[in-house]
N, C-alpha and C. Protein backbone atom coordinates (compact mmCIF):
# COMPACT_ATOMS: atom_id res chain seq x y z
N MET A 1 11.93 14.82 -7.22
CA MET A 1 11.44 14.88 -5.86
C MET A 1 11.10 13.51 -5.44
N LYS A 2 11.59 13.19 -3.94
CA LYS A 2 11.46 11.91 -3.48
C LYS A 2 10.18 12.00 -2.62
N VAL A 3 9.37 10.96 -2.72
CA VAL A 3 8.12 10.89 -1.89
C VAL A 3 8.30 9.75 -0.80
N LEU A 4 7.98 9.89 0.39
CA LEU A 4 8.07 8.89 1.42
C LEU A 4 6.70 8.68 1.94
N GLY A 5 6.42 7.51 2.42
CA GLY A 5 5.17 7.17 2.95
C GLY A 5 5.35 5.95 3.89
N SER A 6 4.43 5.72 4.77
CA SER A 6 4.31 4.63 5.74
C SER A 6 2.89 4.04 5.81
N LEU A 7 2.97 2.71 5.90
CA LEU A 7 1.64 2.03 6.01
C LEU A 7 1.69 1.14 7.24
N ASP A 8 0.69 0.97 8.02
CA ASP A 8 0.80 0.04 9.19
C ASP A 8 -0.28 -1.06 8.70
N LEU A 9 0.38 -2.37 8.70
CA LEU A 9 -0.41 -3.54 8.50
C LEU A 9 -0.74 -3.99 9.92
N VAL A 10 -2.04 -4.31 10.04
CA VAL A 10 -2.61 -4.77 11.36
C VAL A 10 -3.20 -6.14 11.16
N ASN A 11 -2.93 -7.11 12.02
CA ASN A 11 -3.43 -8.48 11.97
C ASN A 11 -4.29 -8.66 13.29
N SER A 12 -5.52 -8.58 13.04
CA SER A 12 -6.43 -8.72 14.13
C SER A 12 -6.93 -10.14 14.38
N GLY A 13 -6.30 -10.93 13.61
CA GLY A 13 -6.70 -12.47 13.62
C GLY A 13 -5.95 -13.19 14.79
N THR A 14 -6.29 -14.57 14.61
CA THR A 14 -5.66 -15.44 15.64
C THR A 14 -4.41 -16.29 15.04
N ALA A 15 -4.05 -16.05 13.73
CA ALA A 15 -2.95 -16.78 13.07
C ALA A 15 -2.21 -15.76 12.41
N GLU A 16 -0.88 -16.12 12.17
CA GLU A 16 0.10 -15.28 11.44
C GLU A 16 -0.38 -15.01 10.01
N ALA A 17 -0.42 -13.64 9.63
CA ALA A 17 -0.85 -13.35 8.33
C ALA A 17 0.37 -13.06 7.42
N GLY A 18 0.28 -13.57 6.20
CA GLY A 18 1.36 -13.38 5.28
C GLY A 18 0.69 -13.68 3.92
N GLY A 19 1.79 -13.79 2.85
CA GLY A 19 1.41 -13.98 1.54
C GLY A 19 0.61 -12.78 0.89
N PHE A 20 1.11 -11.65 1.20
CA PHE A 20 0.31 -10.33 0.71
C PHE A 20 1.37 -9.51 -0.17
N THR A 21 0.96 -8.93 -1.17
CA THR A 21 1.77 -8.00 -1.91
C THR A 21 1.20 -6.61 -1.86
N ILE A 22 2.03 -5.57 -1.81
CA ILE A 22 1.63 -4.20 -1.76
C ILE A 22 2.03 -3.60 -2.90
N ASN A 23 1.00 -2.92 -3.65
CA ASN A 23 1.17 -2.28 -4.77
C ASN A 23 0.91 -0.79 -4.61
N TYR A 24 1.85 0.03 -4.99
CA TYR A 24 1.85 1.55 -4.72
C TYR A 24 1.46 2.25 -6.13
N TYR A 25 0.58 3.15 -5.87
CA TYR A 25 0.06 3.84 -7.20
C TYR A 25 0.21 5.39 -6.88
N LEU A 26 0.39 6.14 -7.85
CA LEU A 26 0.26 7.77 -7.95
C LEU A 26 -1.00 8.07 -8.52
N SER A 27 -1.81 8.81 -8.02
CA SER A 27 -3.15 9.05 -8.37
C SER A 27 -3.51 10.61 -8.32
N ALA A 28 -4.44 10.95 -9.21
CA ALA A 28 -4.90 12.47 -9.13
C ALA A 28 -5.98 12.54 -8.08
N ASP A 29 -6.56 11.36 -7.70
CA ASP A 29 -7.62 11.37 -6.63
C ASP A 29 -7.34 10.20 -5.61
N ALA A 30 -8.23 10.00 -4.71
CA ALA A 30 -8.05 9.00 -3.75
C ALA A 30 -8.74 7.58 -4.16
N THR A 31 -9.07 7.42 -5.37
CA THR A 31 -9.69 6.29 -5.81
C THR A 31 -8.81 5.57 -6.78
N LEU A 32 -8.51 4.29 -6.55
CA LEU A 32 -7.72 3.45 -7.54
C LEU A 32 -8.64 3.06 -8.68
N ASP A 33 -7.86 3.47 -9.87
CA ASP A 33 -8.65 3.13 -10.98
C ASP A 33 -7.48 3.03 -12.24
N PRO A 34 -7.89 2.44 -13.30
CA PRO A 34 -6.81 2.00 -14.35
C PRO A 34 -6.07 3.21 -14.82
N GLY A 35 -6.37 4.47 -14.58
CA GLY A 35 -5.60 5.56 -14.97
C GLY A 35 -4.47 5.80 -14.12
N ASP A 36 -4.45 5.17 -12.93
CA ASP A 36 -3.22 5.33 -11.95
C ASP A 36 -1.95 4.75 -12.34
N SER A 37 -0.97 5.51 -11.93
CA SER A 37 0.39 4.84 -12.27
C SER A 37 1.01 3.98 -11.21
N LEU A 38 1.45 2.87 -11.61
CA LEU A 38 2.04 1.95 -10.65
C LEU A 38 3.41 2.54 -10.45
N VAL A 39 3.76 2.83 -9.08
CA VAL A 39 5.19 3.32 -8.78
C VAL A 39 5.99 2.47 -7.98
N GLY A 40 5.35 1.31 -7.58
CA GLY A 40 6.29 0.33 -6.79
C GLY A 40 5.40 -0.88 -6.38
N THR A 41 6.20 -1.93 -6.02
CA THR A 41 5.62 -3.15 -5.50
C THR A 41 6.51 -3.84 -4.54
N ARG A 42 5.97 -4.39 -3.52
CA ARG A 42 6.88 -5.10 -2.50
C ARG A 42 6.03 -6.18 -1.90
N PRO A 43 6.73 -7.18 -1.47
CA PRO A 43 5.96 -8.21 -0.58
C PRO A 43 5.70 -7.51 0.80
N ALA A 44 4.56 -7.89 1.59
CA ALA A 44 4.23 -7.41 2.87
C ALA A 44 5.04 -8.40 3.73
N PRO A 45 5.51 -7.87 4.85
CA PRO A 45 6.05 -8.58 5.86
C PRO A 45 4.93 -9.57 6.59
N LEU A 46 5.46 -10.65 7.19
CA LEU A 46 4.60 -11.47 8.02
C LEU A 46 4.17 -10.71 9.19
N VAL A 47 2.89 -10.73 9.67
CA VAL A 47 2.37 -10.14 10.78
C VAL A 47 1.75 -11.04 11.76
N PRO A 48 2.51 -11.21 12.99
CA PRO A 48 2.01 -12.14 13.92
C PRO A 48 0.47 -11.84 14.45
N PRO A 49 -0.16 -12.78 15.00
CA PRO A 49 -1.54 -12.33 15.47
C PRO A 49 -1.53 -11.30 16.52
N ASP A 50 -2.60 -10.53 16.30
CA ASP A 50 -2.89 -9.28 17.21
C ASP A 50 -1.68 -8.42 17.33
N LYS A 51 -0.96 -8.17 16.15
CA LYS A 51 0.29 -7.22 16.08
C LYS A 51 -0.03 -6.44 14.87
N ARG A 52 1.01 -5.35 14.80
CA ARG A 52 1.07 -4.62 13.65
C ARG A 52 2.49 -4.44 13.17
N ARG A 53 2.68 -4.10 11.92
CA ARG A 53 4.00 -3.98 11.34
C ARG A 53 4.04 -2.63 10.37
N SER A 54 4.92 -1.69 10.61
CA SER A 54 4.88 -0.60 9.70
C SER A 54 5.77 -0.87 8.48
N VAL A 55 5.29 -0.52 7.34
CA VAL A 55 6.05 -0.60 6.05
C VAL A 55 6.29 0.73 5.54
N ASP A 56 7.61 1.04 5.38
CA ASP A 56 8.02 2.31 4.70
C ASP A 56 8.15 2.12 3.19
N PHE A 57 7.81 3.19 2.38
CA PHE A 57 7.96 3.13 1.06
C PHE A 57 8.52 4.43 0.54
N SER A 58 9.19 4.52 -0.67
CA SER A 58 9.66 5.74 -1.14
C SER A 58 9.63 5.60 -2.70
N PHE A 59 9.54 6.69 -3.44
CA PHE A 59 9.76 6.59 -4.80
C PHE A 59 10.21 8.02 -5.20
N SER A 60 10.76 8.22 -6.40
CA SER A 60 11.34 9.49 -6.91
C SER A 60 10.35 9.74 -8.16
N SER A 61 10.14 11.08 -8.33
CA SER A 61 9.37 11.46 -9.50
C SER A 61 10.12 12.66 -10.02
N SER A 62 10.24 12.68 -11.38
CA SER A 62 10.72 13.94 -11.99
C SER A 62 9.72 15.03 -12.13
N SER A 63 8.46 14.61 -12.01
CA SER A 63 7.35 15.58 -12.16
C SER A 63 6.83 15.95 -10.72
N PRO A 64 6.29 17.26 -10.57
CA PRO A 64 5.73 17.62 -9.35
C PRO A 64 4.51 16.67 -8.89
N VAL A 65 4.45 16.23 -7.73
CA VAL A 65 3.49 15.44 -7.32
C VAL A 65 2.53 15.98 -6.11
N SER A 66 2.90 17.31 -5.66
CA SER A 66 2.00 17.78 -4.55
C SER A 66 0.61 17.96 -4.96
N GLY A 67 -0.24 17.65 -4.06
CA GLY A 67 -1.74 17.58 -4.42
C GLY A 67 -2.16 16.20 -4.94
N MET A 68 -1.31 15.32 -5.35
CA MET A 68 -1.69 13.97 -5.82
C MET A 68 -1.84 13.11 -4.60
N TYR A 69 -2.28 11.86 -4.91
CA TYR A 69 -2.50 10.81 -3.87
C TYR A 69 -1.48 9.65 -4.00
N LEU A 70 -0.98 8.99 -2.88
CA LEU A 70 -0.36 7.79 -2.99
C LEU A 70 -1.32 6.70 -2.46
N ILE A 71 -1.59 5.90 -3.37
CA ILE A 71 -2.54 4.67 -2.96
C ILE A 71 -1.71 3.38 -2.79
N ALA A 72 -2.10 2.69 -1.76
CA ALA A 72 -1.54 1.36 -1.46
C ALA A 72 -2.60 0.34 -1.59
N SER A 73 -2.37 -0.66 -2.36
CA SER A 73 -3.41 -1.85 -2.55
C SER A 73 -2.76 -2.98 -2.00
N VAL A 74 -3.30 -3.73 -0.89
CA VAL A 74 -2.71 -4.88 -0.35
C VAL A 74 -3.60 -6.03 -0.87
N THR A 75 -2.80 -6.95 -1.58
CA THR A 75 -3.43 -7.94 -2.32
C THR A 75 -2.95 -9.29 -1.81
N SER A 76 -3.87 -10.32 -1.48
CA SER A 76 -3.42 -11.55 -1.00
C SER A 76 -3.23 -12.55 -2.13
N THR A 77 -2.15 -13.40 -1.83
CA THR A 77 -1.99 -14.56 -2.81
C THR A 77 -2.98 -15.62 -2.50
N ASN A 78 -3.90 -15.72 -1.48
CA ASN A 78 -4.76 -16.53 -1.08
C ASN A 78 -6.11 -15.90 -1.14
N PRO A 79 -6.92 -16.49 -2.18
CA PRO A 79 -8.30 -15.76 -2.32
C PRO A 79 -9.27 -16.07 -1.07
N GLU A 80 -9.02 -16.79 -0.27
CA GLU A 80 -9.74 -17.12 1.03
C GLU A 80 -9.61 -15.83 1.91
N ASN A 81 -8.55 -15.06 1.70
CA ASN A 81 -8.37 -13.92 2.55
C ASN A 81 -9.15 -12.72 2.36
N GLY A 82 -10.13 -12.81 1.27
CA GLY A 82 -11.00 -11.81 0.98
C GLY A 82 -10.50 -10.84 0.09
N PRO A 83 -11.32 -9.64 -0.15
CA PRO A 83 -10.93 -8.77 -1.24
C PRO A 83 -9.58 -7.86 -0.75
N ASP A 84 -9.02 -7.20 -1.87
CA ASP A 84 -7.80 -6.34 -1.52
C ASP A 84 -8.35 -5.17 -0.60
N VAL A 85 -7.31 -4.81 0.16
CA VAL A 85 -7.47 -3.56 0.99
C VAL A 85 -6.79 -2.34 0.32
N VAL A 86 -7.62 -1.33 0.14
CA VAL A 86 -6.93 -0.11 -0.64
C VAL A 86 -7.08 0.97 0.35
N VAL A 87 -5.90 1.78 0.50
CA VAL A 87 -5.90 2.99 1.21
C VAL A 87 -5.12 4.04 0.48
N ALA A 88 -5.51 5.27 0.66
CA ALA A 88 -5.07 6.42 -0.08
C ALA A 88 -4.69 7.55 1.03
N GLY A 89 -3.68 8.19 0.64
CA GLY A 89 -3.15 9.44 1.34
C GLY A 89 -2.83 10.55 0.49
N PRO A 90 -3.11 11.79 0.76
CA PRO A 90 -2.68 12.94 -0.10
C PRO A 90 -1.14 13.31 0.17
N ILE A 91 -0.58 13.66 -0.89
CA ILE A 91 0.78 14.15 -0.95
C ILE A 91 0.79 15.69 -0.70
N PRO A 92 1.46 16.03 0.27
CA PRO A 92 1.30 17.64 0.55
C PRO A 92 2.15 18.33 -0.51
């Protein structure tokens, strides 16, 4: 089964945002924890000030995933950017 997802990255700041990595996890619930399975990683695109960028993602699973969650964790390579941003969405 192929799972498709999309994530909107929004830069509400006054400078270009970059230096982020997006890690994708498969989870039984909407909370990221050590029991979740990493299913993909990719660098985030640069996002100009006051703009948004859509990032598409897909992965294939040999097991049923309906009812599970896809979690995206956006991590900065610069600690001054603050904590990770984590979002989750249900897989129909």
